[in-house]
N, C-alpha and C. Protein backbone atom coordinates (compact mmCIF):
# COMPACT_ATOMS: atom_id res chain seq x y z
N MET A 1 0.85 -1.17 0.00
CA MET A 1 0.00 0.00 0.00
C MET A 1 0.89 1.24 0.00
N ASP A 2 0.55 2.25 -0.75
CA ASP A 2 1.38 3.44 -0.75
C ASP A 2 1.09 4.30 0.48
N SER A 3 1.93 5.27 0.75
CA SER A 3 1.81 6.06 1.98
C SER A 3 0.54 6.89 2.00
N ASP A 4 0.03 7.32 0.84
CA ASP A 4 -1.21 8.10 0.79
C ASP A 4 -2.38 7.26 1.30
N HIS A 5 -2.47 6.00 0.86
CA HIS A 5 -3.55 5.12 1.32
C HIS A 5 -3.39 4.80 2.80
N GLN A 6 -2.16 4.62 3.27
CA GLN A 6 -1.93 4.33 4.68
C GLN A 6 -2.38 5.49 5.56
N GLN A 7 -2.14 6.70 5.11
CA GLN A 7 -2.52 7.87 5.89
C GLN A 7 -4.03 8.03 5.97
N ARG A 8 -4.77 7.67 4.90
CA ARG A 8 -6.23 7.82 4.88
C ARG A 8 -6.94 6.58 5.43
N GLY A 9 -6.24 5.50 5.71
CA GLY A 9 -6.86 4.29 6.23
C GLY A 9 -7.61 3.50 5.17
N VAL A 10 -7.26 3.65 3.90
CA VAL A 10 -7.92 2.94 2.81
C VAL A 10 -7.28 1.57 2.66
N HIS A 11 -8.12 0.53 2.59
CA HIS A 11 -7.63 -0.84 2.43
C HIS A 11 -8.21 -1.43 1.15
N ALA A 12 -7.39 -2.11 0.40
CA ALA A 12 -7.83 -2.76 -0.83
C ALA A 12 -8.56 -4.06 -0.48
N ILE A 13 -9.63 -4.35 -1.22
CA ILE A 13 -10.36 -5.61 -1.05
C ILE A 13 -9.67 -6.65 -1.93
N PRO A 14 -9.29 -7.78 -1.34
CA PRO A 14 -8.60 -8.80 -2.15
C PRO A 14 -9.49 -9.29 -3.30
N SER A 15 -8.89 -9.50 -4.45
CA SER A 15 -9.66 -9.93 -5.62
C SER A 15 -10.28 -11.29 -5.41
N TRP A 16 -9.67 -12.18 -4.63
CA TRP A 16 -10.25 -13.50 -4.38
C TRP A 16 -11.57 -13.36 -3.62
N PHE A 17 -11.68 -12.34 -2.76
CA PHE A 17 -12.89 -12.12 -1.99
C PHE A 17 -14.03 -11.65 -2.90
N VAL A 18 -13.72 -10.75 -3.81
CA VAL A 18 -14.71 -10.25 -4.77
C VAL A 18 -15.19 -11.41 -5.65
N LEU A 19 -14.28 -12.25 -6.10
CA LEU A 19 -14.63 -13.41 -6.93
C LEU A 19 -15.51 -14.39 -6.15
N ALA A 20 -15.19 -14.64 -4.90
CA ALA A 20 -15.99 -15.55 -4.09
C ALA A 20 -17.41 -15.02 -3.91
N ILE A 21 -17.57 -13.73 -3.68
CA ILE A 21 -18.90 -13.13 -3.53
C ILE A 21 -19.68 -13.24 -4.84
N ALA A 22 -19.02 -13.02 -5.97
CA ALA A 22 -19.68 -13.12 -7.27
C ALA A 22 -20.15 -14.55 -7.53
N ILE A 23 -19.33 -15.54 -7.19
CA ILE A 23 -19.72 -16.94 -7.39
C ILE A 23 -20.89 -17.30 -6.50
N ILE A 24 -20.88 -16.89 -5.27
CA ILE A 24 -21.99 -17.15 -4.35
C ILE A 24 -23.27 -16.51 -4.87
N ALA A 25 -23.18 -15.28 -5.36
CA ALA A 25 -24.37 -14.60 -5.91
C ALA A 25 -24.91 -15.35 -7.12
N LEU A 26 -24.04 -15.84 -7.99
CA LEU A 26 -24.47 -16.61 -9.16
C LEU A 26 -25.17 -17.90 -8.74
N ILE A 27 -24.63 -18.60 -7.76
CA ILE A 27 -25.24 -19.84 -7.29
C ILE A 27 -26.60 -19.57 -6.66
N VAL A 28 -26.69 -18.56 -5.83
CA VAL A 28 -27.97 -18.22 -5.19
C VAL A 28 -29.00 -17.84 -6.25
N GLY A 29 -28.59 -17.07 -7.24
CA GLY A 29 -29.52 -16.68 -8.30
C GLY A 29 -29.99 -17.88 -9.11
N ALA A 30 -29.09 -18.79 -9.42
CA ALA A 30 -29.47 -19.99 -10.18
C ALA A 30 -30.42 -20.86 -9.38
N VAL A 31 -30.16 -21.02 -8.10
CA VAL A 31 -31.04 -21.82 -7.24
C VAL A 31 -32.42 -21.18 -7.14
N ALA A 32 -32.45 -19.86 -6.97
CA ALA A 32 -33.74 -19.17 -6.87
C ALA A 32 -34.53 -19.29 -8.17
N LEU A 33 -33.87 -19.15 -9.30
CA LEU A 33 -34.56 -19.26 -10.58
C LEU A 33 -35.04 -20.69 -10.82
N THR A 34 -34.23 -21.68 -10.46
CA THR A 34 -34.64 -23.07 -10.59
C THR A 34 -35.90 -23.32 -9.77
N ALA A 35 -35.92 -22.83 -8.54
CA ALA A 35 -37.10 -23.00 -7.69
C ALA A 35 -38.32 -22.32 -8.30
N THR A 36 -38.12 -21.16 -8.87
CA THR A 36 -39.23 -20.45 -9.49
C THR A 36 -39.78 -21.21 -10.68
N LEU A 37 -38.89 -21.76 -11.51
CA LEU A 37 -39.32 -22.46 -12.71
C LEU A 37 -39.94 -23.82 -12.42
N THR A 38 -39.50 -24.50 -11.38
CA THR A 38 -39.97 -25.86 -11.12
C THR A 38 -41.04 -25.96 -10.06
N ASN A 39 -41.29 -24.93 -9.29
CA ASN A 39 -42.27 -25.01 -8.21
C ASN A 39 -43.40 -24.00 -8.36
N ARG A 40 -43.92 -23.90 -9.56
CA ARG A 40 -45.03 -22.97 -9.80
C ARG A 40 -46.29 -23.47 -9.12
N SER A 41 -47.04 -22.55 -8.51
CA SER A 41 -48.32 -22.94 -7.95
C SER A 41 -49.43 -22.79 -8.98
N SER A 42 -49.20 -22.00 -10.01
CA SER A 42 -50.20 -21.81 -11.06
C SER A 42 -50.15 -22.94 -12.06
N PRO A 43 -51.31 -23.44 -12.53
CA PRO A 43 -51.29 -24.49 -13.54
C PRO A 43 -51.06 -23.96 -14.94
N PHE A 44 -50.89 -22.66 -15.10
CA PHE A 44 -50.68 -22.06 -16.40
C PHE A 44 -49.36 -21.33 -16.43
N SER A 45 -48.73 -21.35 -17.59
CA SER A 45 -47.44 -20.70 -17.75
C SER A 45 -47.60 -19.18 -17.73
N MET A 46 -46.73 -18.50 -17.00
CA MET A 46 -46.74 -17.04 -16.98
C MET A 46 -45.57 -16.51 -17.80
N MET A 47 -44.71 -17.42 -18.27
CA MET A 47 -43.58 -17.00 -19.08
C MET A 47 -43.84 -17.38 -20.52
N GLY A 48 -43.09 -16.78 -21.42
CA GLY A 48 -43.24 -17.11 -22.83
C GLY A 48 -42.86 -18.55 -23.10
N GLY A 49 -43.15 -18.99 -24.28
CA GLY A 49 -42.81 -20.35 -24.65
C GLY A 49 -43.85 -20.86 -25.61
N ALA A 50 -43.63 -22.01 -26.12
CA ALA A 50 -44.48 -22.58 -27.16
C ALA A 50 -45.94 -22.61 -26.77
N GLY A 51 -46.69 -21.63 -27.20
CA GLY A 51 -48.13 -21.62 -27.01
C GLY A 51 -48.61 -21.19 -25.65
N ALA A 52 -47.73 -20.82 -24.77
CA ALA A 52 -48.14 -20.45 -23.42
C ALA A 52 -47.88 -18.97 -23.21
N GLY A 53 -48.51 -18.43 -22.24
CA GLY A 53 -48.31 -17.03 -21.91
C GLY A 53 -49.29 -16.62 -20.85
N MET A 54 -49.29 -15.33 -20.52
CA MET A 54 -50.18 -14.87 -19.47
C MET A 54 -51.63 -15.22 -19.77
N MET A 55 -52.00 -15.16 -21.04
CA MET A 55 -53.37 -15.45 -21.39
C MET A 55 -53.51 -16.87 -21.94
N GLY A 56 -52.41 -17.64 -21.92
CA GLY A 56 -52.43 -19.00 -22.46
C GLY A 56 -53.32 -19.90 -21.63
N THR A 57 -53.80 -20.96 -22.26
CA THR A 57 -54.67 -21.89 -21.55
C THR A 57 -54.12 -23.29 -21.55
N ARG A 58 -52.92 -23.47 -22.02
CA ARG A 58 -52.34 -24.80 -22.08
C ARG A 58 -51.82 -25.18 -20.70
N PRO A 59 -52.25 -26.31 -20.14
CA PRO A 59 -51.78 -26.68 -18.81
C PRO A 59 -50.29 -27.01 -18.81
N VAL A 60 -49.61 -26.63 -17.74
CA VAL A 60 -48.20 -26.91 -17.56
C VAL A 60 -48.08 -27.80 -16.34
N VAL A 61 -47.35 -28.89 -16.48
CA VAL A 61 -47.24 -29.87 -15.42
C VAL A 61 -46.19 -29.44 -14.41
N ASP A 62 -46.55 -29.44 -13.16
CA ASP A 62 -45.61 -29.36 -12.06
C ASP A 62 -45.59 -30.76 -11.48
N PRO A 63 -44.56 -31.56 -11.79
CA PRO A 63 -44.58 -32.96 -11.40
C PRO A 63 -44.85 -33.20 -9.91
N ALA A 64 -44.53 -32.25 -9.08
CA ALA A 64 -44.75 -32.43 -7.65
C ALA A 64 -46.22 -32.27 -7.26
N ASN A 65 -47.01 -31.52 -8.05
CA ASN A 65 -48.37 -31.20 -7.63
C ASN A 65 -49.48 -31.66 -8.57
N ALA A 66 -49.20 -31.86 -9.84
CA ALA A 66 -50.24 -32.19 -10.81
C ALA A 66 -50.59 -33.67 -10.77
N PRO A 67 -51.85 -34.01 -11.09
CA PRO A 67 -52.20 -35.43 -11.19
C PRO A 67 -51.34 -36.10 -12.26
N GLN A 68 -50.83 -37.26 -11.94
CA GLN A 68 -49.98 -38.02 -12.85
C GLN A 68 -50.80 -39.10 -13.54
N PRO A 69 -50.27 -39.67 -14.62
CA PRO A 69 -51.00 -40.74 -15.31
C PRO A 69 -51.47 -41.81 -14.32
N GLY A 70 -52.73 -42.21 -14.46
CA GLY A 70 -53.31 -43.21 -13.57
C GLY A 70 -53.99 -42.63 -12.34
N GLU A 71 -53.83 -41.32 -12.09
CA GLU A 71 -54.45 -40.67 -10.93
C GLU A 71 -55.72 -39.95 -11.35
N PRO A 72 -56.67 -39.80 -10.42
CA PRO A 72 -57.89 -39.04 -10.74
C PRO A 72 -57.55 -37.61 -11.15
N GLY A 73 -58.22 -37.12 -12.17
CA GLY A 73 -58.01 -35.75 -12.64
C GLY A 73 -56.92 -35.62 -13.68
N PHE A 74 -56.23 -36.70 -13.99
CA PHE A 74 -55.17 -36.64 -14.99
C PHE A 74 -55.76 -36.45 -16.38
N VAL A 75 -55.16 -35.53 -17.16
CA VAL A 75 -55.57 -35.29 -18.54
C VAL A 75 -54.34 -35.54 -19.42
N ALA A 76 -54.45 -36.54 -20.30
CA ALA A 76 -53.33 -36.89 -21.17
C ALA A 76 -53.19 -35.87 -22.30
N GLY A 77 -51.96 -35.61 -22.69
CA GLY A 77 -51.70 -34.73 -23.82
C GLY A 77 -52.00 -35.44 -25.13
N THR A 78 -52.43 -34.66 -26.11
CA THR A 78 -52.73 -35.18 -27.44
C THR A 78 -51.85 -34.45 -28.46
N ALA A 79 -51.86 -34.94 -29.69
CA ALA A 79 -51.09 -34.27 -30.75
C ALA A 79 -51.59 -32.84 -30.93
N ALA A 80 -52.89 -32.61 -30.79
CA ALA A 80 -53.46 -31.27 -30.94
C ALA A 80 -53.22 -30.39 -29.71
N SER A 81 -53.09 -31.02 -28.56
CA SER A 81 -52.90 -30.27 -27.31
C SER A 81 -51.97 -31.06 -26.38
N PRO A 82 -50.65 -30.98 -26.65
CA PRO A 82 -49.71 -31.75 -25.84
C PRO A 82 -49.67 -31.27 -24.39
N ARG A 83 -49.42 -32.21 -23.49
CA ARG A 83 -49.18 -31.85 -22.09
C ARG A 83 -47.74 -31.33 -22.02
N VAL A 84 -47.50 -30.31 -21.21
CA VAL A 84 -46.18 -29.71 -21.10
C VAL A 84 -45.52 -30.16 -19.81
N ILE A 85 -44.29 -30.61 -19.94
CA ILE A 85 -43.48 -30.95 -18.77
C ILE A 85 -42.23 -30.09 -18.84
N ARG A 86 -41.98 -29.34 -17.78
CA ARG A 86 -40.79 -28.49 -17.71
C ARG A 86 -39.66 -29.23 -17.02
N LEU A 87 -38.48 -29.11 -17.60
CA LEU A 87 -37.27 -29.68 -17.01
C LEU A 87 -36.22 -28.59 -16.94
N THR A 88 -35.36 -28.66 -15.93
CA THR A 88 -34.20 -27.79 -15.90
C THR A 88 -32.97 -28.63 -16.15
N ALA A 89 -32.02 -28.06 -16.86
CA ALA A 89 -30.75 -28.71 -17.16
C ALA A 89 -29.66 -27.92 -16.45
N GLY A 90 -29.04 -28.55 -15.47
CA GLY A 90 -27.96 -27.89 -14.75
C GLY A 90 -28.45 -27.15 -13.52
N PRO A 91 -27.57 -26.40 -12.83
CA PRO A 91 -26.22 -26.06 -13.22
C PRO A 91 -25.24 -27.24 -13.16
N ALA A 92 -25.48 -28.24 -12.32
CA ALA A 92 -24.65 -29.45 -12.35
C ALA A 92 -25.10 -30.28 -13.56
N PRO A 93 -24.31 -31.26 -13.97
CA PRO A 93 -24.75 -32.08 -15.10
C PRO A 93 -25.88 -33.04 -14.69
N ALA A 94 -27.08 -32.48 -14.59
CA ALA A 94 -28.26 -33.26 -14.19
C ALA A 94 -29.52 -32.56 -14.68
N PHE A 95 -30.58 -33.36 -14.87
CA PHE A 95 -31.90 -32.82 -15.18
C PHE A 95 -32.74 -32.86 -13.91
N SER A 96 -33.65 -31.90 -13.81
CA SER A 96 -34.61 -31.91 -12.70
C SER A 96 -35.98 -31.63 -13.28
N PRO A 97 -36.94 -32.54 -13.09
CA PRO A 97 -36.79 -33.84 -12.44
C PRO A 97 -36.04 -34.81 -13.36
N SER A 98 -35.55 -35.90 -12.76
CA SER A 98 -34.81 -36.90 -13.53
C SER A 98 -35.69 -38.10 -13.90
N ALA A 99 -36.93 -38.09 -13.47
CA ALA A 99 -37.86 -39.16 -13.82
C ALA A 99 -39.25 -38.55 -14.00
N VAL A 100 -39.93 -38.95 -15.06
CA VAL A 100 -41.29 -38.48 -15.32
C VAL A 100 -42.15 -39.67 -15.73
N SER A 101 -43.46 -39.51 -15.60
CA SER A 101 -44.41 -40.54 -16.03
C SER A 101 -45.29 -39.98 -17.13
N VAL A 102 -45.56 -40.80 -18.13
CA VAL A 102 -46.44 -40.42 -19.22
C VAL A 102 -47.39 -41.58 -19.49
N ALA A 103 -48.53 -41.26 -20.07
CA ALA A 103 -49.49 -42.30 -20.45
C ALA A 103 -49.11 -42.86 -21.81
N ARG A 104 -49.31 -44.14 -21.99
CA ARG A 104 -49.03 -44.76 -23.29
C ARG A 104 -49.86 -44.05 -24.36
N GLY A 105 -49.20 -43.62 -25.44
CA GLY A 105 -49.87 -42.91 -26.53
C GLY A 105 -49.94 -41.40 -26.33
N GLU A 106 -49.47 -40.91 -25.20
CA GLU A 106 -49.56 -39.48 -24.88
C GLU A 106 -48.52 -38.67 -25.64
N THR A 107 -48.91 -37.43 -25.99
CA THR A 107 -47.99 -36.48 -26.60
C THR A 107 -47.58 -35.47 -25.56
N ILE A 108 -46.27 -35.30 -25.41
CA ILE A 108 -45.69 -34.41 -24.40
C ILE A 108 -44.81 -33.38 -25.09
N THR A 109 -44.90 -32.13 -24.66
CA THR A 109 -43.93 -31.11 -25.04
C THR A 109 -43.03 -30.90 -23.84
N PHE A 110 -41.76 -31.22 -23.99
CA PHE A 110 -40.76 -30.97 -22.95
C PHE A 110 -40.21 -29.57 -23.16
N GLU A 111 -40.28 -28.74 -22.13
CA GLU A 111 -39.66 -27.41 -22.17
C GLU A 111 -38.45 -27.48 -21.25
N VAL A 112 -37.27 -27.35 -21.85
CA VAL A 112 -36.01 -27.54 -21.13
C VAL A 112 -35.30 -26.20 -21.01
N THR A 113 -35.01 -25.81 -19.76
CA THR A 113 -34.31 -24.55 -19.48
C THR A 113 -32.95 -24.85 -18.88
N THR A 114 -31.90 -24.28 -19.46
CA THR A 114 -30.56 -24.46 -18.92
C THR A 114 -30.30 -23.48 -17.79
N MET A 115 -29.82 -24.01 -16.69
CA MET A 115 -29.43 -23.21 -15.54
C MET A 115 -27.91 -23.29 -15.45
N GLY A 116 -27.26 -22.18 -15.25
CA GLY A 116 -25.80 -22.18 -15.19
C GLY A 116 -25.18 -21.86 -16.53
N PRO A 117 -23.87 -21.72 -16.55
CA PRO A 117 -23.18 -21.20 -17.73
C PRO A 117 -22.92 -22.22 -18.84
N THR A 118 -23.16 -23.51 -18.61
CA THR A 118 -22.84 -24.54 -19.59
C THR A 118 -24.04 -24.83 -20.49
N ALA A 119 -23.82 -24.90 -21.79
CA ALA A 119 -24.89 -25.26 -22.73
C ALA A 119 -25.16 -26.76 -22.65
N HIS A 120 -26.42 -27.13 -22.88
CA HIS A 120 -26.83 -28.53 -22.83
C HIS A 120 -27.62 -28.87 -24.08
N GLU A 121 -27.93 -30.16 -24.23
CA GLU A 121 -28.86 -30.61 -25.25
C GLU A 121 -29.89 -31.50 -24.56
N PHE A 122 -30.97 -31.80 -25.28
CA PHE A 122 -32.01 -32.66 -24.74
C PHE A 122 -32.42 -33.64 -25.83
N MET A 123 -32.25 -34.93 -25.54
CA MET A 123 -32.62 -36.00 -26.47
C MET A 123 -33.65 -36.87 -25.78
N VAL A 124 -34.70 -37.28 -26.50
CA VAL A 124 -35.73 -38.14 -25.92
C VAL A 124 -36.12 -39.21 -26.94
N GLY A 125 -36.46 -40.40 -26.40
CA GLY A 125 -36.89 -41.49 -27.27
C GLY A 125 -36.69 -42.83 -26.60
N PRO A 126 -36.67 -43.90 -27.40
CA PRO A 126 -36.43 -45.22 -26.82
C PRO A 126 -35.10 -45.23 -26.05
N ALA A 127 -35.09 -45.86 -24.89
CA ALA A 127 -33.93 -45.80 -23.98
C ALA A 127 -32.63 -46.25 -24.65
N ASP A 128 -32.67 -47.30 -25.46
CA ASP A 128 -31.44 -47.77 -26.09
C ASP A 128 -30.90 -46.77 -27.11
N ALA A 129 -31.79 -46.11 -27.85
CA ALA A 129 -31.36 -45.10 -28.82
C ALA A 129 -30.80 -43.86 -28.12
N VAL A 130 -31.42 -43.48 -27.02
CA VAL A 130 -30.94 -42.32 -26.26
C VAL A 130 -29.57 -42.62 -25.66
N ALA A 131 -29.41 -43.81 -25.06
CA ALA A 131 -28.13 -44.17 -24.44
C ALA A 131 -27.00 -44.20 -25.47
N ALA A 132 -27.33 -44.64 -26.69
CA ALA A 132 -26.32 -44.75 -27.74
C ALA A 132 -26.11 -43.44 -28.51
N ASP A 133 -26.88 -42.39 -28.17
CA ASP A 133 -26.82 -41.12 -28.90
C ASP A 133 -27.02 -41.38 -30.39
N GLU A 134 -28.01 -42.22 -30.67
CA GLU A 134 -28.28 -42.69 -32.03
C GLU A 134 -28.76 -41.56 -32.94
N GLU A 135 -28.16 -41.48 -34.11
CA GLU A 135 -28.56 -40.50 -35.13
C GLU A 135 -30.04 -40.66 -35.43
N GLY A 136 -30.77 -39.55 -35.53
CA GLY A 136 -32.19 -39.58 -35.84
C GLY A 136 -33.09 -39.59 -34.62
N THR A 137 -32.51 -39.77 -33.42
CA THR A 137 -33.31 -39.70 -32.20
C THR A 137 -33.65 -38.23 -31.96
N PRO A 138 -34.91 -37.91 -31.67
CA PRO A 138 -35.30 -36.49 -31.51
C PRO A 138 -34.47 -35.78 -30.44
N GLU A 139 -33.97 -34.59 -30.80
CA GLU A 139 -33.20 -33.81 -29.84
C GLU A 139 -33.21 -32.33 -30.20
N VAL A 140 -32.93 -31.52 -29.18
CA VAL A 140 -32.65 -30.10 -29.38
C VAL A 140 -31.26 -29.87 -28.82
N ALA A 141 -30.46 -29.09 -29.52
CA ALA A 141 -29.07 -28.86 -29.13
C ALA A 141 -28.85 -27.41 -28.77
N ASP A 142 -27.71 -27.15 -28.17
CA ASP A 142 -27.25 -25.79 -27.88
C ASP A 142 -28.27 -24.99 -27.08
N ILE A 143 -28.73 -25.54 -25.96
CA ILE A 143 -29.62 -24.79 -25.06
C ILE A 143 -28.70 -24.01 -24.14
N GLY A 144 -28.56 -22.71 -24.41
CA GLY A 144 -27.63 -21.86 -23.67
C GLY A 144 -28.17 -21.43 -22.32
N MET A 145 -27.32 -20.76 -21.56
CA MET A 145 -27.65 -20.29 -20.21
C MET A 145 -28.94 -19.47 -20.21
N MET A 146 -29.88 -19.87 -19.35
CA MET A 146 -31.17 -19.21 -19.16
C MET A 146 -32.01 -19.23 -20.43
N GLN A 147 -31.75 -20.17 -21.30
CA GLN A 147 -32.50 -20.32 -22.55
C GLN A 147 -33.42 -21.53 -22.41
N THR A 148 -34.60 -21.45 -23.00
CA THR A 148 -35.55 -22.56 -22.99
C THR A 148 -35.81 -22.98 -24.43
N LYS A 149 -35.74 -24.29 -24.66
CA LYS A 149 -36.10 -24.86 -25.95
C LYS A 149 -37.07 -26.00 -25.69
N SER A 150 -37.90 -26.30 -26.68
CA SER A 150 -38.89 -27.35 -26.48
C SER A 150 -38.79 -28.43 -27.55
N LEU A 151 -39.29 -29.60 -27.18
CA LEU A 151 -39.33 -30.74 -28.08
C LEU A 151 -40.61 -31.50 -27.77
N THR A 152 -41.39 -31.81 -28.80
CA THR A 152 -42.65 -32.55 -28.63
C THR A 152 -42.46 -33.97 -29.12
N TYR A 153 -42.94 -34.93 -28.31
CA TYR A 153 -42.74 -36.34 -28.61
C TYR A 153 -43.99 -37.12 -28.22
N THR A 154 -44.38 -38.09 -29.05
CA THR A 154 -45.52 -38.96 -28.75
C THR A 154 -44.99 -40.34 -28.34
N PHE A 155 -45.42 -40.79 -27.18
CA PHE A 155 -44.97 -42.06 -26.61
C PHE A 155 -45.93 -43.17 -27.04
N ASP A 156 -45.75 -43.62 -28.29
CA ASP A 156 -46.71 -44.57 -28.85
C ASP A 156 -46.24 -46.03 -28.78
N GLY A 157 -45.11 -46.29 -28.17
CA GLY A 157 -44.62 -47.66 -28.02
C GLY A 157 -44.69 -48.11 -26.57
N ALA A 158 -44.21 -49.31 -26.33
CA ALA A 158 -44.26 -49.89 -24.98
C ALA A 158 -43.13 -49.39 -24.08
N GLY A 159 -42.09 -48.82 -24.67
CA GLY A 159 -40.96 -48.35 -23.88
C GLY A 159 -39.91 -49.44 -23.78
N PRO A 160 -38.90 -49.29 -22.98
CA PRO A 160 -38.67 -48.15 -22.09
C PRO A 160 -38.18 -46.92 -22.85
N TYR A 161 -38.44 -45.75 -22.26
CA TYR A 161 -38.04 -44.47 -22.83
C TYR A 161 -37.11 -43.76 -21.86
N ALA A 162 -36.34 -42.82 -22.40
CA ALA A 162 -35.39 -42.06 -21.58
C ALA A 162 -35.14 -40.70 -22.23
N PHE A 163 -34.42 -39.85 -21.48
CA PHE A 163 -33.93 -38.59 -22.02
C PHE A 163 -32.52 -38.38 -21.51
N ALA A 164 -31.75 -37.55 -22.23
CA ALA A 164 -30.34 -37.38 -21.86
C ALA A 164 -29.75 -36.15 -22.52
N CYS A 165 -28.58 -35.77 -22.01
CA CYS A 165 -27.73 -34.74 -22.62
C CYS A 165 -26.43 -35.44 -23.01
N HIS A 166 -26.06 -35.31 -24.29
CA HIS A 166 -24.82 -35.93 -24.76
C HIS A 166 -23.73 -34.92 -25.07
N VAL A 167 -23.80 -33.72 -24.47
CA VAL A 167 -22.66 -32.81 -24.57
C VAL A 167 -21.50 -33.57 -23.92
N THR A 168 -20.30 -33.42 -24.46
CA THR A 168 -19.15 -34.20 -24.02
C THR A 168 -19.05 -34.28 -22.49
N GLY A 169 -19.11 -35.52 -21.99
CA GLY A 169 -18.95 -35.80 -20.57
C GLY A 169 -20.22 -35.72 -19.75
N HIS A 170 -21.29 -35.11 -20.25
CA HIS A 170 -22.49 -34.92 -19.45
C HIS A 170 -23.24 -36.23 -19.20
N TYR A 171 -23.44 -37.03 -20.24
CA TYR A 171 -24.15 -38.31 -20.06
C TYR A 171 -23.38 -39.19 -19.08
N GLU A 172 -22.07 -39.24 -19.24
CA GLU A 172 -21.22 -40.04 -18.36
C GLU A 172 -21.27 -39.55 -16.92
N ALA A 173 -21.52 -38.26 -16.73
CA ALA A 173 -21.62 -37.69 -15.37
C ALA A 173 -23.01 -37.89 -14.77
N GLY A 174 -23.92 -38.50 -15.52
CA GLY A 174 -25.26 -38.79 -14.99
C GLY A 174 -26.36 -37.90 -15.49
N MET A 175 -26.12 -37.13 -16.56
CA MET A 175 -27.15 -36.22 -17.06
C MET A 175 -28.11 -36.97 -17.97
N ARG A 176 -29.02 -37.69 -17.33
CA ARG A 176 -30.00 -38.49 -18.04
C ARG A 176 -31.20 -38.73 -17.13
N GLY A 177 -32.30 -39.17 -17.72
CA GLY A 177 -33.49 -39.41 -16.94
C GLY A 177 -34.33 -40.54 -17.53
N THR A 178 -35.29 -40.97 -16.75
CA THR A 178 -36.14 -42.08 -17.17
C THR A 178 -37.59 -41.61 -17.35
N ILE A 179 -38.29 -42.32 -18.21
CA ILE A 179 -39.69 -42.01 -18.49
C ILE A 179 -40.47 -43.31 -18.29
N ALA A 180 -41.37 -43.28 -17.30
CA ALA A 180 -42.20 -44.44 -17.03
C ALA A 180 -43.48 -44.34 -17.86
N ILE A 181 -43.83 -45.44 -18.54
CA ILE A 181 -45.06 -45.49 -19.33
C ILE A 181 -46.14 -46.12 -18.46
N VAL A 182 -47.26 -45.41 -18.31
CA VAL A 182 -48.36 -45.83 -17.46
C VAL A 182 -49.58 -46.04 -18.36
N ALA A 183 -50.34 -47.08 -18.09
CA ALA A 183 -51.58 -47.29 -18.85
C ALA A 183 -52.51 -46.12 -18.61
N PRO A 184 -53.18 -45.62 -19.69
CA PRO A 184 -54.06 -44.44 -19.52
C PRO A 184 -55.28 -44.75 -18.68
């Protein structure tokens, strides 16, 4: 410290401290946004996205609160009106939720939002094709930070089905999920 700063009692803040505070703020913000996106109390989307909005009428599934396939009040998605399931990708290499249930023959629109600075992809289909990252399996790529992309898929087979991210190292780190097929 130079003599001028010593005389005025000015102390420099270490750069490692500023960096630590910035990282903590980023983590808290990502956690808060994840909670907001995955724990909605409203059955309708208030954010933009495929066919939804403040005045939208398309139901959005909150897996923790909505009736699931086989439960009273469950409404299966159709090709004309798919059921929407929201997933978050990251900030760790994981999807939330990592397991979902769908009715056999149901059409689902998955809305996937990336949390954190790493881009992800979302692939869905038969479990063996997803695990092998098979060419032609439905997917959306390059879902950047705080970006949402959607993919609509009809579960017309017996299964098993799965979803995954095959960005280098992500699948191997556990970034995948399962889809249970339930009789309608």
